[in-house]
Amino acid sequence: MSLWEHLKELKNRLIKSAIGVVIGGIGGWILYDPLLKALAEPVNRISSETGGLAAINFGTIASPFDFKLQMSLLIGAVISSPIWIYQLWAFITPGLTSKERRYTLGYMAAAIPLFLAGIWVGWLVVPQVVHALTQFTPEGSSSVIDARTYIEFVTRMVLMLGLAFLVPVVLVGINMAGIVSGRTILKAWRITVFLVFVLAAIAAPGADAISMFMLAGPLLALFFAAIGICIMNDKRRERRQARQVEETEATADIATPGSELKKL
């Protein structure tokens, strides 16, 4: 495909993904009220525990509508994740061989549950983070949180963990495409471990280290499992290339006149 055809294909994939998010956003609009109640619960809990004022604040007349629209699109992105994840892989697969394309279904089967698992973990972690951070409010003071700031914070936390769970699948995908080898990914394991523990420390800022290790453990297990798959795929690719070279040389020897006499 030419560059223009690639850009056209990318535009079509983005349009389909956007349509999926909008359709999912309709469901998010319906689910907005119970989800907002769940998100506001850790803030309201501070009021009941400390006796002070802690609430989510809508600073302008249009803020409630903006907040509901943003929340609906966020929920829509989660609901429509099978659609836009498929569009991502559908854009990548034309550059793969016919055999590697068959792995696309396996990528989808792994990517979607992992992304949703990351979202679920983020949903469990956000109330703990909000509760931990608002504990620093001085006695006699109030925590009046701007709704837009709050939704941006929740969005970053939830999507960051969802994408973190998706990274191993992306690594396997680019390895299948021959862009990077498993050994190259393995060389960066120290940096990866450090970043995973930093992420876990931010997402689980409790006084004990157990919650941090419980969050970091699955992320590291997924990362090293992806490296193992990449290395096995590299070895399989090397064996296939070696067989192709041997077959090519054998064919060339047969096709060359007098080759058998030269060997004798």
Protein backbone atom coordinates (compact mmCIF):
# COMPACT_ATOMS: atom_id res chain seq x y z
CA MET A 1 0.00 0.00 0.00
CA SER A 2 1.13 3.54 -0.72
CA LEU A 3 1.43 6.17 2.00
CA TRP A 4 -1.85 7.75 0.92
CA GLU A 5 -3.61 4.37 1.09
CA HIS A 6 -2.20 3.80 4.59
CA LEU A 7 -3.50 7.20 5.72
CA LYS A 8 -6.89 6.48 4.16
CA GLU A 9 -7.03 3.12 5.91
CA LEU A 10 -6.08 4.77 9.22
CA LYS A 11 -8.82 7.37 8.76
CA ASN A 12 -11.43 4.66 8.14
CA ARG A 13 -10.31 2.74 11.23
CA LEU A 14 -10.45 5.87 13.38
CA ILE A 15 -13.93 6.72 12.11
CA LYS A 16 -15.20 3.22 12.94
CA SER A 17 -13.60 3.43 16.39
CA ALA A 18 -15.20 6.83 17.02
CA ILE A 19 -18.62 5.49 15.99
CA GLY A 20 -18.17 2.61 18.44
CA VAL A 21 -17.27 5.03 21.26
CA VAL A 22 -20.31 7.20 20.50
CA ILE A 23 -22.64 4.19 20.54
CA GLY A 24 -21.05 3.03 23.79
CA GLY A 25 -21.46 6.58 25.11
CA ILE A 26 -25.22 6.20 24.80
CA GLY A 27 -25.00 3.31 27.25
CA GLY A 28 -22.68 5.43 29.39
CA TRP A 29 -25.32 8.18 29.50
CA ILE A 30 -27.78 5.65 30.93
CA LEU A 31 -25.25 4.30 33.47
CA TYR A 32 -24.09 7.77 34.55
CA ASP A 33 -26.16 8.17 37.75
CA PRO A 34 -25.18 4.90 39.51
CA LEU A 35 -21.53 5.32 38.49
CA LEU A 36 -21.41 8.92 39.72
CA LYS A 37 -22.82 7.77 43.04
CA ALA A 38 -20.07 5.14 43.28
CA LEU A 39 -17.35 7.67 42.36
CA ALA A 40 -18.59 10.23 44.88
CA GLU A 41 -18.77 7.66 47.68
CA PRO A 42 -15.11 7.97 48.83
CA VAL A 43 -15.44 11.77 48.95
CA ASN A 44 -18.70 11.61 50.88
CA ARG A 45 -17.13 9.11 53.27
CA ILE A 46 -14.58 11.76 54.28
CA SER A 47 -17.44 14.01 55.41
CA SER A 48 -18.98 11.31 57.57
CA GLU A 49 -15.63 10.27 59.08
CA THR A 50 -14.17 13.71 59.81
CA GLY A 51 -17.32 15.75 60.28
CA GLY A 52 -15.97 18.32 57.82
CA LEU A 53 -17.14 19.31 54.38
CA ALA A 54 -16.04 17.17 51.43
CA ALA A 55 -17.96 17.22 48.19
CA ILE A 56 -17.68 17.26 44.40
CA ASN A 57 -18.37 20.78 43.23
CA PHE A 58 -19.91 21.96 39.96
CA GLY A 59 -18.50 25.45 39.55
CA THR A 60 -20.59 26.70 36.63
CA ILE A 61 -24.10 26.26 35.27
CA ALA A 62 -22.93 24.06 32.40
CA SER A 63 -20.55 21.95 34.51
CA PRO A 64 -23.08 19.19 35.34
CA PHE A 65 -23.81 18.66 31.63
CA ASP A 66 -20.08 18.70 30.70
CA PHE A 67 -19.34 16.28 33.52
CA LYS A 68 -22.08 13.88 32.41
CA LEU A 69 -20.92 14.07 28.78
CA GLN A 70 -17.29 13.32 29.68
CA MET A 71 -18.31 10.46 31.94
CA SER A 72 -20.56 9.01 29.24
CA LEU A 73 -17.73 9.07 26.67
CA LEU A 74 -15.34 7.48 29.17
CA ILE A 75 -17.82 4.69 29.86
CA GLY A 76 -18.42 4.44 26.11
CA ALA A 77 -14.69 3.95 25.51
CA VAL A 78 -14.72 1.03 27.94
CA ILE A 79 -17.90 -0.52 26.54
CA SER A 80 -16.68 -0.18 22.94
CA SER A 81 -13.17 -1.49 23.69
CA PRO A 82 -13.75 -4.67 21.59
CA ILE A 83 -14.47 -2.43 18.59
CA TRP A 84 -11.51 -0.05 18.76
CA ILE A 85 -9.07 -2.78 19.83
CA TYR A 86 -10.15 -4.79 16.78
CA GLN A 87 -9.70 -1.72 14.55
CA LEU A 88 -6.17 -1.31 15.91
CA TRP A 89 -5.22 -4.88 15.05
CA ALA A 90 -7.04 -4.72 11.71
CA PHE A 91 -4.83 -1.75 10.79
CA ILE A 92 -1.66 -3.64 11.75
CA THR A 93 -2.41 -7.06 10.25
CA PRO A 94 -2.09 -6.16 6.51
CA GLY A 95 1.67 -5.91 7.08
CA LEU A 96 1.82 -9.47 8.45
CA THR A 97 2.03 -12.81 6.67
CA SER A 98 -1.05 -14.98 6.21
CA LYS A 99 0.07 -17.24 9.09
CA GLU A 100 0.63 -14.31 11.42
CA ARG A 101 -2.79 -12.92 10.57
CA ARG A 102 -4.33 -16.02 12.09
CA TYR A 103 -2.95 -14.92 15.43
CA THR A 104 -5.16 -11.82 15.31
CA LEU A 105 -8.08 -13.68 16.86
CA GLY A 106 -5.78 -14.76 19.70
CA TYR A 107 -4.69 -11.15 20.22
CA MET A 108 -8.29 -10.05 20.43
CA ALA A 109 -9.15 -12.86 22.84
CA ALA A 110 -6.28 -11.75 25.12
CA ALA A 111 -6.36 -7.96 24.66
CA ILE A 112 -10.02 -7.32 25.46
CA PRO A 113 -10.16 -9.25 28.78
CA LEU A 114 -6.82 -7.77 29.85
CA PHE A 115 -7.95 -4.21 29.11
CA LEU A 116 -11.23 -4.75 30.96
CA ALA A 117 -9.31 -6.36 33.85
CA GLY A 118 -7.10 -3.26 34.05
CA ILE A 119 -10.20 -1.04 34.06
CA TRP A 120 -11.68 -3.16 36.85
CA VAL A 121 -8.47 -2.88 38.90
CA GLY A 122 -8.46 0.88 38.32
CA TRP A 123 -12.08 1.07 39.47
CA LEU A 124 -11.12 -0.71 42.70
CA VAL A 125 -8.02 1.41 43.23
CA VAL A 126 -9.47 4.90 42.61
CA PRO A 127 -11.58 5.06 45.81
CA GLN A 128 -8.54 4.05 47.86
CA VAL A 129 -6.41 6.72 46.21
CA VAL A 130 -9.05 9.42 46.74
CA HIS A 131 -9.49 8.40 50.36
CA ALA A 132 -5.73 8.37 50.98
CA LEU A 133 -5.08 11.75 49.38
CA THR A 134 -8.00 13.56 51.02
CA GLN A 135 -6.78 12.38 54.43
CA PHE A 136 -4.19 15.17 54.22
CA THR A 137 -6.90 17.84 54.48
CA PRO A 138 -6.11 19.85 57.64
CA GLU A 139 -8.56 19.71 60.50
CA GLY A 140 -11.19 22.41 60.23
CA SER A 141 -10.68 22.73 56.46
CA SER A 142 -12.89 21.55 53.61
CA SER A 143 -12.28 19.48 50.49
CA VAL A 144 -14.45 20.94 47.75
CA ILE A 145 -13.24 19.15 44.60
CA ASP A 146 -13.96 20.59 41.17
CA ALA A 147 -15.95 18.09 39.11
CA ARG A 148 -13.84 18.56 35.96
CA THR A 149 -10.61 18.05 37.91
CA TYR A 150 -12.08 14.97 39.56
CA ILE A 151 -13.16 13.33 36.31
CA GLU A 152 -9.75 14.00 34.75
CA PHE A 153 -8.08 12.36 37.74
CA VAL A 154 -10.37 9.32 37.60
CA THR A 155 -9.95 9.03 33.82
CA ARG A 156 -6.16 9.04 34.03
CA MET A 157 -6.08 6.47 36.81
CA VAL A 158 -8.55 4.04 35.25
CA LEU A 159 -7.30 4.26 31.66
CA MET A 160 -3.66 4.15 32.76
CA LEU A 161 -4.20 0.81 34.48
CA GLY A 162 -6.31 -0.47 31.59
CA LEU A 163 -3.57 0.36 29.09
CA ALA A 164 -0.90 -1.04 31.43
CA PHE A 165 -2.63 -4.41 31.29
CA LEU A 166 -2.75 -4.11 27.49
CA VAL A 167 0.98 -3.46 27.03
CA PRO A 168 2.03 -7.19 27.03
CA VAL A 169 -0.32 -7.92 24.14
CA VAL A 170 1.06 -4.95 22.22
CA LEU A 171 4.61 -6.22 22.80
CA VAL A 172 3.71 -9.63 21.40
CA GLY A 173 2.02 -7.99 18.43
CA ILE A 174 4.99 -5.84 17.41
CA ASN A 175 7.25 -8.85 17.92
CA MET A 176 5.08 -10.90 15.57
CA ALA A 177 5.38 -8.08 13.05
CA GLY A 178 9.18 -8.33 13.30
CA ILE A 179 9.59 -4.78 14.60
CA VAL A 180 11.41 -5.70 17.83
CA SER A 181 12.89 -8.93 19.15
CA GLY A 182 12.17 -10.54 22.50
CA ARG A 183 15.81 -10.18 23.57
CA THR A 184 15.64 -6.43 22.94
CA ILE A 185 12.56 -6.17 25.17
CA LEU A 186 14.25 -8.32 27.82
CA LYS A 187 17.22 -5.92 27.99
CA ALA A 188 14.89 -3.22 29.35
CA TRP A 189 13.57 -5.37 32.20
CA ARG A 190 15.18 -3.26 34.92
CA ILE A 191 13.53 -0.07 33.70
CA THR A 192 10.22 -1.91 33.33
CA VAL A 193 10.31 -3.29 36.86
CA PHE A 194 11.11 0.17 38.21
CA LEU A 195 8.24 1.80 36.28
CA VAL A 196 5.80 -0.93 37.35
CA PHE A 197 6.61 -0.39 41.03
CA VAL A 198 6.35 3.39 40.62
CA LEU A 199 2.92 2.91 39.05
CA ALA A 200 1.91 0.51 41.82
CA ALA A 201 3.12 2.93 44.49
CA ILE A 202 1.03 5.74 42.96
CA ALA A 203 -2.05 3.57 42.53
CA ALA A 204 -1.84 1.97 45.98
CA PRO A 205 -0.50 4.64 48.33
CA GLY A 206 -1.45 2.83 51.53
CA ALA A 207 0.81 2.73 54.52
CA ASP A 208 1.58 -0.97 53.95
CA ALA A 209 3.59 -2.35 51.06
CA ILE A 210 1.37 -5.41 50.59
CA SER A 211 -1.16 -3.57 48.40
CA MET A 212 1.66 -2.21 46.22
CA PHE A 213 3.12 -5.70 45.65
CA MET A 214 -0.34 -7.15 44.98
CA LEU A 215 -0.81 -4.60 42.19
CA ALA A 216 2.73 -4.84 40.81
CA GLY A 217 2.76 -8.67 40.79
CA PRO A 218 0.16 -9.20 38.02
CA LEU A 219 1.70 -6.44 35.86
CA LEU A 220 5.17 -8.01 36.11
CA ALA A 221 3.80 -11.50 35.48
CA LEU A 222 2.06 -10.29 32.31
CA PHE A 223 5.20 -8.47 31.14
CA PHE A 224 7.55 -11.42 31.57
CA ALA A 225 4.99 -13.81 30.07
CA ALA A 226 4.92 -11.55 27.00
CA ILE A 227 8.73 -11.63 26.83
CA GLY A 228 8.68 -15.44 26.98
CA ILE A 229 6.20 -15.59 24.09
CA CYS A 230 8.31 -13.12 22.08
CA ILE A 231 11.51 -15.15 22.58
CA MET A 232 9.77 -18.38 21.57
CA ASN A 233 8.41 -16.66 18.48
CA ASP A 234 11.91 -15.38 17.62
CA LYS A 235 13.32 -18.91 17.81
CA ARG A 236 10.48 -20.25 15.67
CA ARG A 237 11.09 -17.51 13.10
CA GLU A 238 14.83 -18.23 13.04
CA ARG A 239 14.20 -21.96 12.46
CA ARG A 240 11.77 -21.16 9.66
CA GLN A 241 14.26 -18.81 8.00
CA ALA A 242 17.03 -21.43 8.31
CA ARG A 243 14.81 -24.02 6.60
CA GLN A 244 14.01 -21.58 3.82
CA VAL A 245 17.72 -20.89 3.25
CA GLU A 246 18.48 -24.63 3.12
CA GLU A 247 15.64 -25.24 0.68
CA THR A 248 16.80 -22.34 -1.50
CA GLU A 249 20.37 -23.62 -1.58
CA ALA A 250 19.20 -27.16 -2.39
CA THR A 251 17.03 -25.86 -5.21
CA ALA A 252 19.91 -23.80 -6.58
CA ASP A 253 22.25 -26.81 -6.53
CA ILE A 254 19.77 -28.92 -8.46
CA ALA A 255 19.15 -26.18 -11.00
CA THR A 256 22.89 -25.50 -11.61
CA PRO A 257 24.26 -27.66 -14.48
CA GLY A 258 27.14 -29.92 -13.44
CA SER A 259 26.65 -29.22 -9.74
CA GLU A 260 26.61 -32.90 -8.87
CA LEU A 261 29.82 -33.48 -10.88
CA LYS A 262 31.52 -30.63 -9.00
CA LYS A 263 30.60 -32.24 -5.69
CA LEU A 264 32.10 -35.53 -6.85
